[in-house]
Amino acid sequence: MKFKIGFIAFLISSTQFLPQVYKVWITNDTGSLSTLSILIYLIGQNFWFMHTFSTKDKILRTQIIINIICFSYLFYKKYMNGEITNPINSNKELHEHI
């Protein structure tokens, strides 16, 4: 039962960002995506990925890898569209989120 619930959670959680990735892939429009949110999410997912080695949870590890790939693509597209100059010190973007 535990595996079935984990697998269902894996399917839902791993596919939740695919519509956004698909939309960016088709339209190349990343203007409405927050660079700071993407960056924070990527950092968090990397820590979760490291955590999966201590728990040996292969389902969670696979889900995190898929999420990292999706968000890395979104971050890459924002960079290629010239929307990222310095994602950590970007006062303009920080003020948009406050």
PDB file of N, CA and C in Angstrom:
ATOM      1  N   MET A   1       0.827  -1.205   0.000  1.00  0.00           N
ATOM      2  CA  MET A   1       0.000   0.000   0.000  1.00  0.00           C
ATOM      3  C   MET A   1       0.866   1.262   0.000  1.00  0.00           C
ATOM      4  N   LYS A   2       1.955   1.209   0.782  1.00  0.00           N
ATOM      5  CA  LYS A   2       2.838   2.373   0.858  1.00  0.00           C
ATOM      6  C   LYS A   2       3.400   2.717  -0.522  1.00  0.00           C
ATOM      7  N   PHE A   3       3.805   1.705  -1.273  1.00  0.00           N
ATOM      8  CA  PHE A   3       4.362   1.938  -2.602  1.00  0.00           C
ATOM      9  C   PHE A   3       3.318   2.552  -3.525  1.00  0.00           C
ATOM     10  N   LYS A   4       2.077   2.080  -3.473  1.00  0.00           N
ATOM     11  CA  LYS A   4       1.027   2.606  -4.340  1.00  0.00           C
ATOM     12  C   LYS A   4       0.755   4.068  -4.057  1.00  0.00           C
ATOM     13  N   ILE A   5       0.697   4.441  -2.787  1.00  0.00           N
ATOM     14  CA  ILE A   5       0.465   5.844  -2.436  1.00  0.00           C
ATOM     15  C   ILE A   5       1.649   6.694  -2.886  1.00  0.00           C
ATOM     16  N   GLY A   6       2.853   6.186  -2.673  1.00  0.00           N
ATOM     17  CA  GLY A   6       4.045   6.907  -3.105  1.00  0.00           C
ATOM     18  C   GLY A   6       4.099   7.061  -4.612  1.00  0.00           C
ATOM     19  N   PHE A   7       3.694   6.044  -5.321  1.00  0.00           N
ATOM     20  CA  PHE A   7       3.704   6.106  -6.780  1.00  0.00           C
ATOM     21  C   PHE A   7       2.663   7.097  -7.298  1.00  0.00           C
ATOM     22  N   ILE A   8       1.479   7.127  -6.685  1.00  0.00           N
ATOM     23  CA  ILE A   8       0.450   8.092  -7.068  1.00  0.00           C
ATOM     24  C   ILE A   8       0.943   9.510  -6.793  1.00  0.00           C
ATOM     25  N   ALA A   9       1.553   9.709  -5.621  1.00  0.00           N
ATOM     26  CA  ALA A   9       2.112  11.031  -5.293  1.00  0.00           C
ATOM     27  C   ALA A   9       3.202  11.403  -6.287  1.00  0.00           C
ATOM     28  N   PHE A  10       4.018  10.438  -6.674  1.00  0.00           N
ATOM     29  CA  PHE A  10       5.072  10.659  -7.655  1.00  0.00           C
ATOM     30  C   PHE A  10       4.489  11.129  -8.984  1.00  0.00           C
ATOM     31  N   LEU A  11       3.457  10.450  -9.457  1.00  0.00           N
ATOM     32  CA  LEU A  11       2.846  10.815 -10.736  1.00  0.00           C
ATOM     33  C   LEU A  11       2.264  12.227 -10.715  1.00  0.00           C
ATOM     34  N   ILE A  12       1.570  12.558  -9.649  1.00  0.00           N
ATOM     35  CA  ILE A  12       0.954  13.886  -9.556  1.00  0.00           C
ATOM     36  C   ILE A  12       2.013  14.966  -9.387  1.00  0.00           C
ATOM     37  N   SER A  13       2.947  14.752  -8.470  1.00  0.00           N
ATOM     38  CA  SER A  13       3.960  15.774  -8.182  1.00  0.00           C
ATOM     39  C   SER A  13       4.933  15.970  -9.335  1.00  0.00           C
ATOM     40  N   SER A  14       5.239  14.914 -10.037  1.00  0.00           N
ATOM     41  CA  SER A  14       6.201  15.025 -11.129  1.00  0.00           C
ATOM     42  C   SER A  14       5.612  15.660 -12.368  1.00  0.00           C
ATOM     43  N   THR A  15       4.317  15.539 -12.540  1.00  0.00           N
ATOM     44  CA  THR A  15       3.697  16.096 -13.740  1.00  0.00           C
ATOM     45  C   THR A  15       3.105  17.478 -13.525  1.00  0.00           C
ATOM     46  N   GLN A  16       3.139  17.987 -12.305  1.00  0.00           N
ATOM     47  CA  GLN A  16       2.495  19.270 -12.036  1.00  0.00           C
ATOM     48  C   GLN A  16       3.137  20.438 -12.778  1.00  0.00           C
ATOM     49  N   PHE A  17       4.419  20.340 -13.107  1.00  0.00           N
ATOM     50  CA  PHE A  17       5.099  21.452 -13.771  1.00  0.00           C
ATOM     51  C   PHE A  17       5.198  21.263 -15.284  1.00  0.00           C
ATOM     52  N   LEU A  18       4.833  20.108 -15.767  1.00  0.00           N
ATOM     53  CA  LEU A  18       4.947  19.852 -17.203  1.00  0.00           C
ATOM     54  C   LEU A  18       4.104  20.805 -18.057  1.00  0.00           C
ATOM     55  N   PRO A  19       2.872  21.184 -17.639  1.00  0.00           N
ATOM     56  CA  PRO A  19       2.144  22.161 -18.458  1.00  0.00           C
ATOM     57  C   PRO A  19       2.880  23.498 -18.586  1.00  0.00           C
ATOM     58  N   GLN A  20       3.531  23.943 -17.500  1.00  0.00           N
ATOM     59  CA  GLN A  20       4.283  25.198 -17.550  1.00  0.00           C
ATOM     60  C   GLN A  20       5.493  25.065 -18.460  1.00  0.00           C
ATOM     61  N   VAL A  21       6.198  23.958 -18.346  1.00  0.00           N
ATOM     62  CA  VAL A  21       7.361  23.715 -19.203  1.00  0.00           C
ATOM     63  C   VAL A  21       6.924  23.652 -20.662  1.00  0.00           C
ATOM     64  N   TYR A  22       5.836  22.970 -20.935  1.00  0.00           N
ATOM     65  CA  TYR A  22       5.323  22.864 -22.302  1.00  0.00           C
ATOM     66  C   TYR A  22       4.946  24.246 -22.848  1.00  0.00           C
ATOM     67  N   LYS A  23       4.286  25.047 -22.024  1.00  0.00           N
ATOM     68  CA  LYS A  23       3.884  26.389 -22.466  1.00  0.00           C
ATOM     69  C   LYS A  23       5.107  27.249 -22.797  1.00  0.00           C
ATOM     70  N   VAL A  24       6.121  27.186 -21.956  1.00  0.00           N
ATOM     71  CA  VAL A  24       7.343  27.958 -22.210  1.00  0.00           C
ATOM     72  C   VAL A  24       8.040  27.423 -23.454  1.00  0.00           C
ATOM     73  N   TRP A  25       8.045  26.126 -23.641  1.00  0.00           N
ATOM     74  CA  TRP A  25       8.683  25.521 -24.808  1.00  0.00           C
ATOM     75  C   TRP A  25       7.998  25.978 -26.093  1.00  0.00           C
ATOM     76  N   ILE A  26       6.671  26.039 -26.092  1.00  0.00           N
ATOM     77  CA  ILE A  26       5.925  26.430 -27.282  1.00  0.00           C
ATOM     78  C   ILE A  26       5.981  27.940 -27.529  1.00  0.00           C
ATOM     79  N   THR A  27       5.754  28.737 -26.474  1.00  0.00           N
ATOM     80  CA  THR A  27       5.644  30.184 -26.644  1.00  0.00           C
ATOM     81  C   THR A  27       6.959  30.933 -26.450  1.00  0.00           C
ATOM     82  N   ASN A  28       7.916  30.327 -25.762  1.00  0.00           N
ATOM     83  CA  ASN A  28       9.173  30.974 -25.396  1.00  0.00           C
ATOM     84  C   ASN A  28       8.941  32.203 -24.513  1.00  0.00           C
ATOM     85  N   ASP A  29       7.795  32.284 -23.857  1.00  0.00           N
ATOM     86  CA  ASP A  29       7.452  33.409 -22.989  1.00  0.00           C
ATOM     87  C   ASP A  29       7.701  33.032 -21.538  1.00  0.00           C
ATOM     88  N   THR A  30       8.685  33.691 -20.928  1.00  0.00           N
ATOM     89  CA  THR A  30       9.003  33.431 -19.525  1.00  0.00           C
ATOM     90  C   THR A  30       8.818  34.670 -18.659  1.00  0.00           C
ATOM     91  N   GLY A  31       8.220  35.698 -19.213  1.00  0.00           N
ATOM     92  CA  GLY A  31       8.078  36.959 -18.500  1.00  0.00           C
ATOM     93  C   GLY A  31       7.265  36.865 -17.222  1.00  0.00           C
ATOM     94  N   SER A  32       6.302  35.965 -17.169  1.00  0.00           N
ATOM     95  CA  SER A  32       5.467  35.874 -15.976  1.00  0.00           C
ATOM     96  C   SER A  32       6.039  34.938 -14.917  1.00  0.00           C
ATOM     97  N   LEU A  33       7.169  34.310 -15.209  1.00  0.00           N
ATOM     98  CA  LEU A  33       7.790  33.416 -14.236  1.00  0.00           C
ATOM     99  C   LEU A  33       8.747  34.192 -13.345  1.00  0.00           C
ATOM    100  N   SER A  34       8.681  33.935 -12.058  1.00  0.00           N
ATOM    101  CA  SER A  34       9.553  34.596 -11.106  1.00  0.00           C
ATOM    102  C   SER A  34      10.910  33.896 -11.053  1.00  0.00           C
ATOM    103  N   THR A  35      11.964  34.627 -11.365  1.00  0.00           N
ATOM    104  CA  THR A  35      13.311  34.078 -11.306  1.00  0.00           C
ATOM    105  C   THR A  35      13.659  33.672  -9.889  1.00  0.00           C
ATOM    106  N   LEU A  36      13.305  34.505  -8.933  1.00  0.00           N
ATOM    107  CA  LEU A  36      13.623  34.212  -7.539  1.00  0.00           C
ATOM    108  C   LEU A  36      12.915  32.944  -7.068  1.00  0.00           C
ATOM    109  N   SER A  37      11.668  32.770  -7.446  1.00  0.00           N
ATOM    110  CA  SER A  37      10.934  31.556  -7.064  1.00  0.00           C
ATOM    111  C   SER A  37      11.564  30.313  -7.676  1.00  0.00           C
ATOM    112  N   ILE A  38      11.948  30.413  -8.936  1.00  0.00           N
ATOM    113  CA  ILE A  38      12.594  29.276  -9.600  1.00  0.00           C
ATOM    114  C   ILE A  38      13.904  28.938  -8.901  1.00  0.00           C
ATOM    115  N   LEU A  39      14.686  29.946  -8.587  1.00  0.00           N
ATOM    116  CA  LEU A  39      15.971  29.739  -7.939  1.00  0.00           C
ATOM    117  C   LEU A  39      15.805  29.119  -6.553  1.00  0.00           C
ATOM    118  N   ILE A  40      14.877  29.626  -5.766  1.00  0.00           N
ATOM    119  CA  ILE A  40      14.633  29.076  -4.426  1.00  0.00           C
ATOM    120  C   ILE A  40      14.152  27.627  -4.530  1.00  0.00           C
ATOM    121  N   TYR A  41      13.263  27.357  -5.470  1.00  0.00           N
ATOM    122  CA  TYR A  41      12.761  26.002  -5.655  1.00  0.00           C
ATOM    123  C   TYR A  41      13.890  25.044  -6.032  1.00  0.00           C
ATOM    124  N   LEU A  42      14.775  25.470  -6.943  1.00  0.00           N
ATOM    125  CA  LEU A  42      15.895  24.621  -7.348  1.00  0.00           C
ATOM    126  C   LEU A  42      16.822  24.318  -6.174  1.00  0.00           C
ATOM    127  N   ILE A  43      17.087  25.306  -5.360  1.00  0.00           N
ATOM    128  CA  ILE A  43      17.943  25.093  -4.186  1.00  0.00           C
ATOM    129  C   ILE A  43      17.278  24.097  -3.237  1.00  0.00           C
ATOM    130  N   GLY A  44      15.986  24.294  -2.975  1.00  0.00           N
ATOM    131  CA  GLY A  44      15.261  23.385  -2.096  1.00  0.00           C
ATOM    132  C   GLY A  44      15.239  21.962  -2.626  1.00  0.00           C
ATOM    133  N   GLN A  45      15.007  21.796  -3.929  1.00  0.00           N
ATOM    134  CA  GLN A  45      14.980  20.464  -4.515  1.00  0.00           C
ATOM    135  C   GLN A  45      16.338  19.779  -4.435  1.00  0.00           C
ATOM    136  N   ASN A  46      17.420  20.559  -4.542  1.00  0.00           N
ATOM    137  CA  ASN A  46      18.748  19.966  -4.411  1.00  0.00           C
ATOM    138  C   ASN A  46      18.981  19.439  -2.999  1.00  0.00           C
ATOM    139  N   PHE A  47      18.489  20.161  -1.988  1.00  0.00           N
ATOM    140  CA  PHE A  47      18.605  19.670  -0.612  1.00  0.00           C
ATOM    141  C   PHE A  47      17.742  18.425  -0.398  1.00  0.00           C
ATOM    142  N   TRP A  48      16.527  18.417  -0.972  1.00  0.00           N
ATOM    143  CA  TRP A  48      15.679  17.232  -0.884  1.00  0.00           C
ATOM    144  C   TRP A  48      16.364  16.048  -1.565  1.00  0.00           C
ATOM    145  N   PHE A  49      17.021  16.302  -2.687  1.00  0.00           N
ATOM    146  CA  PHE A  49      17.728  15.245  -3.402  1.00  0.00           C
ATOM    147  C   PHE A  49      18.820  14.640  -2.521  1.00  0.00           C
ATOM    148  N   MET A  50      19.591  15.491  -1.839  1.00  0.00           N
ATOM    149  CA  MET A  50      20.628  14.994  -0.937  1.00  0.00           C
ATOM    150  C   MET A  50      20.006  14.182   0.203  1.00  0.00           C
ATOM    151  N   HIS A  51      18.841  14.622   0.676  1.00  0.00           N
ATOM    152  CA  HIS A  51      18.152  13.926   1.761  1.00  0.00           C
ATOM    153  C   HIS A  51      17.728  12.513   1.342  1.00  0.00           C
ATOM    154  N   THR A  52      17.379  12.317   0.087  1.00  0.00           N
ATOM    155  CA  THR A  52      16.917  10.997  -0.360  1.00  0.00           C
ATOM    156  C   THR A  52      17.994   9.924  -0.255  1.00  0.00           C
ATOM    157  N   PHE A  53      19.255  10.324  -0.198  1.00  0.00           N
ATOM    158  CA  PHE A  53      20.313   9.332  -0.038  1.00  0.00           C
ATOM    159  C   PHE A  53      20.338   8.768   1.375  1.00  0.00           C
ATOM    160  N   SER A  54      19.904   9.556   2.354  1.00  0.00           N
ATOM    161  CA  SER A  54      19.849   9.036   3.719  1.00  0.00           C
ATOM    162  C   SER A  54      18.590   8.197   3.948  1.00  0.00           C
ATOM    163  N   THR A  55      17.523   8.500   3.219  1.00  0.00           N
ATOM    164  CA  THR A  55      16.278   7.748   3.383  1.00  0.00           C
ATOM    165  C   THR A  55      16.150   6.607   2.383  1.00  0.00           C
ATOM    166  N   LYS A  56      16.983   6.614   1.361  1.00  0.00           N
ATOM    167  CA  LYS A  56      16.965   5.594   0.298  1.00  0.00           C
ATOM    168  C   LYS A  56      15.596   5.493  -0.371  1.00  0.00           C
ATOM    169  N   ASP A  57      14.935   6.629  -0.520  1.00  0.00           N
ATOM    170  CA  ASP A  57      13.611   6.677  -1.138  1.00  0.00           C
ATOM    171  C   ASP A  57      13.775   6.926  -2.635  1.00  0.00           C
ATOM    172  N   LYS A  58      13.692   5.870  -3.428  1.00  0.00           N
ATOM    173  CA  LYS A  58      13.933   5.971  -4.867  1.00  0.00           C
ATOM    174  C   LYS A  58      12.804   6.703  -5.588  1.00  0.00           C
ATOM    175  N   ILE A  59      11.585   6.562  -5.099  1.00  0.00           N
ATOM    176  CA  ILE A  59      10.460   7.252  -5.732  1.00  0.00           C
ATOM    177  C   ILE A  59      10.626   8.760  -5.573  1.00  0.00           C
ATOM    178  N   LEU A  60      10.929   9.208  -4.367  1.00  0.00           N
ATOM    179  CA  LEU A  60      11.124  10.639  -4.124  1.00  0.00           C
ATOM    180  C   LEU A  60      12.323  11.155  -4.901  1.00  0.00           C
ATOM    181  N   ARG A  61      13.375  10.382  -4.952  1.00  0.00           N
ATOM    182  CA  ARG A  61      14.579  10.791  -5.683  1.00  0.00           C
ATOM    183  C   ARG A  61      14.267  10.987  -7.167  1.00  0.00           C
ATOM    184  N   THR A  62      13.508  10.080  -7.743  1.00  0.00           N
ATOM    185  CA  THR A  62      13.130  10.184  -9.153  1.00  0.00           C
ATOM    186  C   THR A  62      12.274  11.415  -9.389  1.00  0.00           C
ATOM    187  N   GLN A  63      11.316  11.649  -8.496  1.00  0.00           N
ATOM    188  CA  GLN A  63      10.449  12.827  -8.622  1.00  0.00           C
ATOM    189  C   GLN A  63      11.265  14.111  -8.553  1.00  0.00           C
ATOM    190  N   ILE A  64      12.202  14.164  -7.646  1.00  0.00           N
ATOM    191  CA  ILE A  64      13.028  15.361  -7.485  1.00  0.00           C
ATOM    192  C   ILE A  64      13.890  15.587  -8.728  1.00  0.00           C
ATOM    193  N   ILE A  65      14.417  14.541  -9.297  1.00  0.00           N
ATOM    194  CA  ILE A  65      15.214  14.677 -10.524  1.00  0.00           C
ATOM    195  C   ILE A  65      14.365  15.271 -11.643  1.00  0.00           C
ATOM    196  N   ILE A  66      13.142  14.795 -11.786  1.00  0.00           N
ATOM    197  CA  ILE A  66      12.241  15.337 -12.810  1.00  0.00           C
ATOM    198  C   ILE A  66      11.960  16.816 -12.538  1.00  0.00           C
ATOM    199  N   ASN A  67      11.704  17.164 -11.276  1.00  0.00           N
ATOM    200  CA  ASN A  67      11.444  18.569 -10.923  1.00  0.00           C
ATOM    201  C   ASN A  67      12.656  19.445 -11.196  1.00  0.00           C
ATOM    202  N   ILE A  68      13.831  18.954 -10.865  1.00  0.00           N
ATOM    203  CA  ILE A  68      15.054  19.727 -11.108  1.00  0.00           C
ATOM    204  C   ILE A  68      15.246  19.958 -12.608  1.00  0.00           C
ATOM    205  N   ILE A  69      14.978  18.950 -13.414  1.00  0.00           N
ATOM    206  CA  ILE A  69      15.098  19.093 -14.874  1.00  0.00           C
ATOM    207  C   ILE A  69      14.110  20.149 -15.375  1.00  0.00           C
ATOM    208  N   CYS A  70      12.852  20.070 -14.920  1.00  0.00           N
ATOM    209  CA  CYS A  70      11.832  21.036 -15.358  1.00  0.00           C
ATOM    210  C   CYS A  70      12.213  22.460 -14.975  1.00  0.00           C
ATOM    211  N   PHE A  71      12.581  22.660 -13.716  1.00  0.00           N
ATOM    212  CA  PHE A  71      12.886  24.013 -13.264  1.00  0.00           C
ATOM    213  C   PHE A  71      14.208  24.518 -13.813  1.00  0.00           C
ATOM    214  N   SER A  72      15.155  23.632 -14.062  1.00  0.00           N
ATOM    215  CA  SER A  72      16.405  24.053 -14.702  1.00  0.00           C
ATOM    216  C   SER A  72      16.126  24.543 -16.116  1.00  0.00           C
ATOM    217  N   TYR A  73      15.217  23.865 -16.804  1.00  0.00           N
ATOM    218  CA  TYR A  73      14.828  24.295 -18.149  1.00  0.00           C
ATOM    219  C   TYR A  73      14.188  25.682 -18.096  1.00  0.00           C
ATOM    220  N   LEU A  74      13.270  25.894 -17.140  1.00  0.00           N
ATOM    221  CA  LEU A  74      12.619  27.203 -17.020  1.00  0.00           C
ATOM    222  C   LEU A  74      13.643  28.289 -16.708  1.00  0.00           C
ATOM    223  N   PHE A  75      14.583  27.994 -15.810  1.00  0.00           N
ATOM    224  CA  PHE A  75      15.636  28.951 -15.465  1.00  0.00           C
ATOM    225  C   PHE A  75      16.510  29.243 -16.684  1.00  0.00           C
ATOM    226  N   TYR A  76      16.859  28.197 -17.419  1.00  0.00           N
ATOM    227  CA  TYR A  76      17.662  28.350 -18.634  1.00  0.00           C
ATOM    228  C   TYR A  76      16.950  29.239 -19.654  1.00  0.00           C
ATOM    229  N   LYS A  77      15.655  29.009 -19.853  1.00  0.00           N
ATOM    230  CA  LYS A  77      14.898  29.812 -20.815  1.00  0.00           C
ATOM    231  C   LYS A  77      14.834  31.272 -20.377  1.00  0.00           C
ATOM    232  N   LYS A  78      14.656  31.527 -19.085  1.00  0.00           N
ATOM    233  CA  LYS A  78      14.657  32.914 -18.598  1.00  0.00           C
ATOM    234  C   LYS A  78      16.016  33.553 -18.893  1.00  0.00           C
ATOM    235  N   TYR A  79      17.082  32.808 -18.676  1.00  0.00           N
ATOM    236  CA  TYR A  79      18.419  33.318 -18.944  1.00  0.00           C
ATOM    237  C   TYR A  79      18.601  33.595 -20.440  1.00  0.00           C
ATOM    238  N   MET A  80      18.171  32.663 -21.271  1.00  0.00           N
ATOM    239  CA  MET A  80      18.324  32.830 -22.716  1.00  0.00           C
ATOM    240  C   MET A  80      17.455  33.964 -23.252  1.00  0.00           C
ATOM    241  N   ASN A  81      16.362  34.261 -22.588  1.00  0.00           N
ATOM    242  CA  ASN A  81      15.502  35.375 -22.996  1.00  0.00           C
ATOM    243  C   ASN A  81      16.006  36.715 -22.462  1.00  0.00           C
ATOM    244  N   GLY A  82      17.145  36.701 -21.777  1.00  0.00           N
ATOM    245  CA  GLY A  82      17.735  37.934 -21.270  1.00  0.00           C
ATOM    246  C   GLY A  82      17.031  38.495 -20.057  1.00  0.00           C
ATOM    247  N   GLU A  83      16.282  37.678 -19.352  1.00  0.00           N
ATOM    248  CA  GLU A  83      15.539  38.153 -18.191  1.00  0.00           C
ATOM    249  C   GLU A  83      16.321  38.003 -16.890  1.00  0.00           C
ATOM    250  N   ILE A  84      17.497  37.420 -16.964  1.00  0.00           N
ATOM    251  CA  ILE A  84      18.321  37.244 -15.775  1.00  0.00           C
ATOM    252  C   ILE A  84      19.653  37.928 -16.027  1.00  0.00           C
ATOM    253  N   THR A  85      19.930  38.937 -15.248  1.00  0.00           N
ATOM    254  CA  THR A  85      21.244  39.562 -15.323  1.00  0.00           C
ATOM    255  C   THR A  85      22.074  39.093 -14.137  1.00  0.00           C
ATOM    256  N   ASN A  86      21.518  39.229 -12.948  1.00  0.00           N
ATOM    257  CA  ASN A  86      22.137  38.725 -11.730  1.00  0.00           C
ATOM    258  C   ASN A  86      20.995  38.297 -10.814  1.00  0.00           C
ATOM    259  N   PRO A  87      20.638  37.024 -10.807  1.00  0.00           N
ATOM    260  CA  PRO A  87      19.434  36.591 -10.109  1.00  0.00           C
ATOM    261  C   PRO A  87      19.460  36.797  -8.609  1.00  0.00           C
ATOM    262  N   ILE A  88      20.627  36.921  -8.000  1.00  0.00           N
ATOM    263  CA  ILE A  88      20.688  37.078  -6.551  1.00  0.00           C
ATOM    264  C   ILE A  88      20.585  38.546  -6.153  1.00  0.00           C
ATOM    265  N   ASN A  89      21.174  39.434  -6.911  1.00  0.00           N
ATOM    266  CA  ASN A  89      21.177  40.851  -6.547  1.00  0.00           C
ATOM    267  C   ASN A  89      20.258  41.696  -7.419  1.00  0.00           C
ATOM    268  N   SER A  90      19.294  41.103  -8.037  1.00  0.00           N
ATOM    269  CA  SER A  90      18.403  41.832  -8.922  1.00  0.00           C
ATOM    270  C   SER A  90      17.355  42.596  -8.116  1.00  0.00           C
ATOM    271  N   ASN A  91      17.621  43.873  -7.847  1.00  0.00           N
ATOM    272  CA  ASN A  91      16.693  44.687  -7.054  1.00  0.00           C
ATOM    273  C   ASN A  91      15.347  44.833  -7.746  1.00  0.00           C
ATOM    274  N   LYS A  92      15.354  44.948  -9.059  1.00  0.00           N
ATOM    275  CA  LYS A  92      14.109  45.104  -9.804  1.00  0.00           C
ATOM    276  C   LYS A  92      13.178  43.918  -9.548  1.00  0.00           C
ATOM    277  N   GLU A  93      13.718  42.718  -9.674  1.00  0.00           N
ATOM    278  CA  GLU A  93      12.879  41.529  -9.483  1.00  0.00           C
ATOM    279  C   GLU A  93      12.482  41.371  -8.020  1.00  0.00           C
ATOM    280  N   LEU A  94      13.354  41.696  -7.110  1.00  0.00           N
ATOM    281  CA  LEU A  94      13.007  41.593  -5.694  1.00  0.00           C
ATOM    282  C   LEU A  94      11.850  42.526  -5.344  1.00  0.00           C
ATOM    283  N   HIS A  95      11.850  43.730  -5.906  1.00  0.00           N
ATOM    284  CA  HIS A  95      10.784  44.682  -5.629  1.00  0.00           C
ATOM    285  C   HIS A  95       9.449  44.255  -6.242  1.00  0.00           C
ATOM    286  N   GLU A  96       9.519  43.488  -7.323  1.00  0.00           N
ATOM    287  CA  GLU A  96       8.282  43.008  -7.932  1.00  0.00           C
ATOM    288  C   GLU A  96       7.591  41.988  -7.036  1.00  0.00           C
ATOM    289  N   HIS A  97       8.338  41.293  -6.196  1.00  0.00           N
ATOM    290  CA  HIS A  97       7.751  40.240  -5.365  1.00  0.00           C
ATOM    291  C   HIS A  97       7.402  40.706  -3.970  1.00  0.00           C
ATOM    292  N   ILE A  98       7.823  41.887  -3.597  1.00  0.00           N
ATOM    293  CA  ILE A  98       7.558  42.378  -2.233  1.00  0.00           C
ATOM    294  C   ILE A  98       6.284  43.177  -2.196  1.00  0.00           C
TER     295      ILE A  98
END
